[in-house]
Amino acid sequence: MHRFICQSFSAFQVQIREHHDGLDLPDWIGKAFAGYLKCGQLGHGFRRFHCSGCKKNQFVAFSCKVRGLCPSCD
């Protein structure tokens, strides 16, 4: 699902504009999809946790917190 949305969301927005006289999707929808596409990717932000016992680091990517769209955050 993520790959499909990543590849086709821009084209979907163009189709919406063409079929609805230049109207765009509401801002909250665009922000929700943009957040979803960045969700769980270390390149878009993370937090490092260090275990003093085993001396290992764990990197945890930020989540989008978009309920109803993102299966990881729902």
N, C-alpha and C. Protein backbone atom coordinates (compact mmCIF):
# COMPACT_ATOMS: atom_id res chain seq x y z
N MET A 1 0.83 -1.18 0.00
CA MET A 1 0.00 0.00 0.00
C MET A 1 0.88 1.26 0.00
N HIS A 2 1.92 1.26 0.83
CA HIS A 2 2.80 2.42 0.92
C HIS A 2 3.42 2.74 -0.43
N ARG A 3 3.92 1.73 -1.12
CA ARG A 3 4.55 1.94 -2.41
C ARG A 3 3.55 2.49 -3.43
N PHE A 4 2.34 1.95 -3.42
CA PHE A 4 1.31 2.43 -4.35
C PHE A 4 0.98 3.89 -4.11
N ILE A 5 0.80 4.29 -2.86
CA ILE A 5 0.47 5.68 -2.54
C ILE A 5 1.65 6.58 -2.90
N CYS A 6 2.85 6.14 -2.60
CA CYS A 6 4.04 6.93 -2.90
C CYS A 6 4.15 7.19 -4.40
N GLN A 7 3.85 6.19 -5.21
CA GLN A 7 3.98 6.32 -6.65
C GLN A 7 2.82 7.07 -7.31
N SER A 8 1.64 7.05 -6.70
CA SER A 8 0.48 7.57 -7.41
C SER A 8 -0.22 8.76 -6.76
N PHE A 9 0.22 9.22 -5.59
CA PHE A 9 -0.49 10.31 -4.93
C PHE A 9 -0.43 11.61 -5.71
N SER A 10 0.72 11.92 -6.28
CA SER A 10 0.83 13.16 -7.07
C SER A 10 -0.09 13.13 -8.28
N ALA A 11 -0.14 12.01 -8.97
CA ALA A 11 -1.03 11.88 -10.13
C ALA A 11 -2.49 11.97 -9.70
N PHE A 12 -2.81 11.42 -8.54
CA PHE A 12 -4.17 11.50 -8.01
C PHE A 12 -4.56 12.95 -7.75
N GLN A 13 -3.65 13.74 -7.18
CA GLN A 13 -3.93 15.15 -6.93
C GLN A 13 -4.18 15.90 -8.24
N VAL A 14 -3.41 15.60 -9.27
CA VAL A 14 -3.59 16.24 -10.57
C VAL A 14 -4.96 15.88 -11.15
N GLN A 15 -5.35 14.62 -11.03
CA GLN A 15 -6.67 14.20 -11.54
C GLN A 15 -7.80 14.91 -10.80
N ILE A 16 -7.66 15.08 -9.51
CA ILE A 16 -8.68 15.79 -8.73
C ILE A 16 -8.82 17.22 -9.25
N ARG A 17 -7.69 17.91 -9.47
CA ARG A 17 -7.73 19.28 -9.97
C ARG A 17 -8.39 19.35 -11.35
N GLU A 18 -8.05 18.41 -12.23
CA GLU A 18 -8.58 18.42 -13.60
C GLU A 18 -10.08 18.14 -13.63
N HIS A 19 -10.55 17.24 -12.80
CA HIS A 19 -11.95 16.84 -12.84
C HIS A 19 -12.86 17.72 -11.98
N HIS A 20 -12.28 18.57 -11.15
CA HIS A 20 -13.10 19.40 -10.26
C HIS A 20 -12.74 20.88 -10.39
N ASP A 21 -12.54 21.32 -11.61
CA ASP A 21 -12.33 22.74 -11.94
C ASP A 21 -11.24 23.41 -11.11
N GLY A 22 -10.11 22.74 -10.95
CA GLY A 22 -8.96 23.34 -10.27
C GLY A 22 -8.99 23.26 -8.76
N LEU A 23 -9.99 22.62 -8.20
CA LEU A 23 -10.04 22.50 -6.74
C LEU A 23 -9.02 21.47 -6.25
N ASP A 24 -8.40 21.76 -5.13
CA ASP A 24 -7.45 20.84 -4.52
C ASP A 24 -8.12 20.05 -3.41
N LEU A 25 -7.44 18.99 -3.00
CA LEU A 25 -7.90 18.26 -1.82
C LEU A 25 -7.75 19.18 -0.60
N PRO A 26 -8.55 18.98 0.42
CA PRO A 26 -8.36 19.77 1.65
C PRO A 26 -6.94 19.59 2.20
N ASP A 27 -6.42 20.63 2.84
CA ASP A 27 -5.05 20.59 3.37
C ASP A 27 -4.82 19.42 4.31
N TRP A 28 -5.80 19.09 5.13
CA TRP A 28 -5.61 18.02 6.12
C TRP A 28 -5.39 16.67 5.44
N ILE A 29 -5.97 16.48 4.26
CA ILE A 29 -5.76 15.22 3.55
C ILE A 29 -4.33 15.16 3.00
N GLY A 30 -3.88 16.24 2.40
CA GLY A 30 -2.51 16.29 1.90
C GLY A 30 -1.49 16.10 3.00
N LYS A 31 -1.72 16.73 4.17
CA LYS A 31 -0.81 16.58 5.30
C LYS A 31 -0.82 15.16 5.85
N ALA A 32 -1.99 14.54 5.87
CA ALA A 32 -2.09 13.16 6.36
C ALA A 32 -1.30 12.21 5.47
N PHE A 33 -1.44 12.35 4.15
CA PHE A 33 -0.70 11.48 3.24
C PHE A 33 0.80 11.78 3.29
N ALA A 34 1.18 13.04 3.40
CA ALA A 34 2.60 13.39 3.49
C ALA A 34 3.21 12.78 4.76
N GLY A 35 2.49 12.85 5.87
CA GLY A 35 2.96 12.24 7.11
C GLY A 35 3.07 10.74 6.99
N TYR A 36 2.08 10.12 6.37
CA TYR A 36 2.08 8.67 6.19
C TYR A 36 3.29 8.22 5.37
N LEU A 37 3.62 8.97 4.33
CA LEU A 37 4.73 8.58 3.47
C LEU A 37 6.08 8.71 4.17
N LYS A 38 6.18 9.52 5.22
CA LYS A 38 7.41 9.67 5.99
C LYS A 38 7.45 8.75 7.21
N CYS A 39 6.35 8.16 7.56
CA CYS A 39 6.21 7.40 8.80
C CYS A 39 7.19 6.22 8.86
N GLY A 40 7.92 6.14 9.96
CA GLY A 40 8.79 5.00 10.20
C GLY A 40 10.09 5.00 9.42
N GLN A 41 10.41 6.09 8.75
CA GLN A 41 11.64 6.16 7.97
C GLN A 41 12.68 6.97 8.74
N LEU A 42 13.81 6.35 9.02
CA LEU A 42 14.85 7.01 9.82
C LEU A 42 15.32 8.32 9.19
N GLY A 43 15.28 8.43 7.89
CA GLY A 43 15.72 9.65 7.21
C GLY A 43 14.85 10.86 7.49
N HIS A 44 13.67 10.64 8.05
CA HIS A 44 12.75 11.74 8.35
C HIS A 44 12.68 12.03 9.84
N GLY A 45 13.59 11.48 10.59
CA GLY A 45 13.67 11.77 12.02
C GLY A 45 13.60 10.51 12.87
N PHE A 46 14.37 10.52 13.93
CA PHE A 46 14.42 9.36 14.81
C PHE A 46 14.90 9.78 16.19
N ARG A 47 14.79 8.88 17.11
CA ARG A 47 15.30 9.05 18.46
C ARG A 47 16.23 7.89 18.75
N ARG A 48 17.37 8.18 19.34
CA ARG A 48 18.33 7.14 19.69
C ARG A 48 18.18 6.81 21.17
N PHE A 49 18.08 5.53 21.48
CA PHE A 49 18.01 5.05 22.85
C PHE A 49 19.26 4.22 23.12
N HIS A 50 19.88 4.46 24.26
CA HIS A 50 21.11 3.75 24.60
C HIS A 50 20.87 2.91 25.85
N CYS A 51 21.26 1.65 25.79
CA CYS A 51 21.16 0.75 26.93
C CYS A 51 22.51 0.75 27.66
N SER A 52 22.49 1.21 28.90
CA SER A 52 23.74 1.26 29.65
C SER A 52 24.20 -0.14 30.07
N GLY A 53 23.27 -1.09 30.09
CA GLY A 53 23.64 -2.46 30.46
C GLY A 53 24.42 -3.17 29.37
N CYS A 54 23.88 -3.20 28.16
CA CYS A 54 24.54 -3.93 27.06
C CYS A 54 25.33 -3.02 26.14
N LYS A 55 25.25 -1.71 26.37
CA LYS A 55 25.99 -0.71 25.59
C LYS A 55 25.57 -0.65 24.12
N LYS A 56 24.34 -1.07 23.82
CA LYS A 56 23.85 -1.01 22.45
C LYS A 56 22.94 0.19 22.27
N ASN A 57 22.88 0.68 21.03
CA ASN A 57 21.98 1.77 20.67
C ASN A 57 20.81 1.21 19.87
N GLN A 58 19.65 1.79 20.09
CA GLN A 58 18.46 1.42 19.32
C GLN A 58 17.92 2.71 18.71
N PHE A 59 17.71 2.71 17.41
CA PHE A 59 17.14 3.87 16.72
C PHE A 59 15.68 3.59 16.43
N VAL A 60 14.83 4.53 16.83
CA VAL A 60 13.38 4.38 16.62
C VAL A 60 12.92 5.57 15.78
N ALA A 61 12.37 5.27 14.60
CA ALA A 61 11.90 6.32 13.69
C ALA A 61 10.63 6.97 14.23
N PHE A 62 10.46 8.24 13.92
CA PHE A 62 9.24 8.94 14.31
C PHE A 62 8.05 8.38 13.54
N SER A 63 6.89 8.44 14.15
CA SER A 63 5.68 7.97 13.49
C SER A 63 4.81 9.15 13.10
N CYS A 64 3.88 8.90 12.18
CA CYS A 64 3.02 9.97 11.67
C CYS A 64 1.79 10.20 12.54
N LYS A 65 1.36 9.18 13.27
CA LYS A 65 0.19 9.24 14.14
C LYS A 65 -1.11 9.54 13.36
N VAL A 66 -1.16 9.11 12.10
CA VAL A 66 -2.35 9.31 11.28
C VAL A 66 -3.25 8.09 11.41
N ARG A 67 -4.27 8.21 12.19
CA ARG A 67 -5.19 7.09 12.41
C ARG A 67 -6.14 6.96 11.23
N GLY A 68 -6.43 5.72 10.88
CA GLY A 68 -7.34 5.45 9.77
C GLY A 68 -6.66 5.37 8.43
N LEU A 69 -5.42 5.78 8.34
CA LEU A 69 -4.67 5.71 7.09
C LEU A 69 -3.43 4.85 7.24
N CYS A 70 -2.69 5.07 8.30
CA CYS A 70 -1.43 4.38 8.50
C CYS A 70 -1.65 3.12 9.34
N PRO A 71 -1.35 1.94 8.78
CA PRO A 71 -1.57 0.72 9.54
C PRO A 71 -0.68 0.61 10.78
N SER A 72 0.49 1.23 10.76
CA SER A 72 1.38 1.17 11.92
C SER A 72 0.88 2.04 13.07
N CYS A 73 0.24 3.15 12.76
CA CYS A 73 -0.18 4.10 13.79
C CYS A 73 -1.66 3.95 14.18
N ASP A 74 -2.39 3.14 13.46
CA ASP A 74 -3.82 3.03 13.71
C ASP A 74 -4.12 2.32 15.00
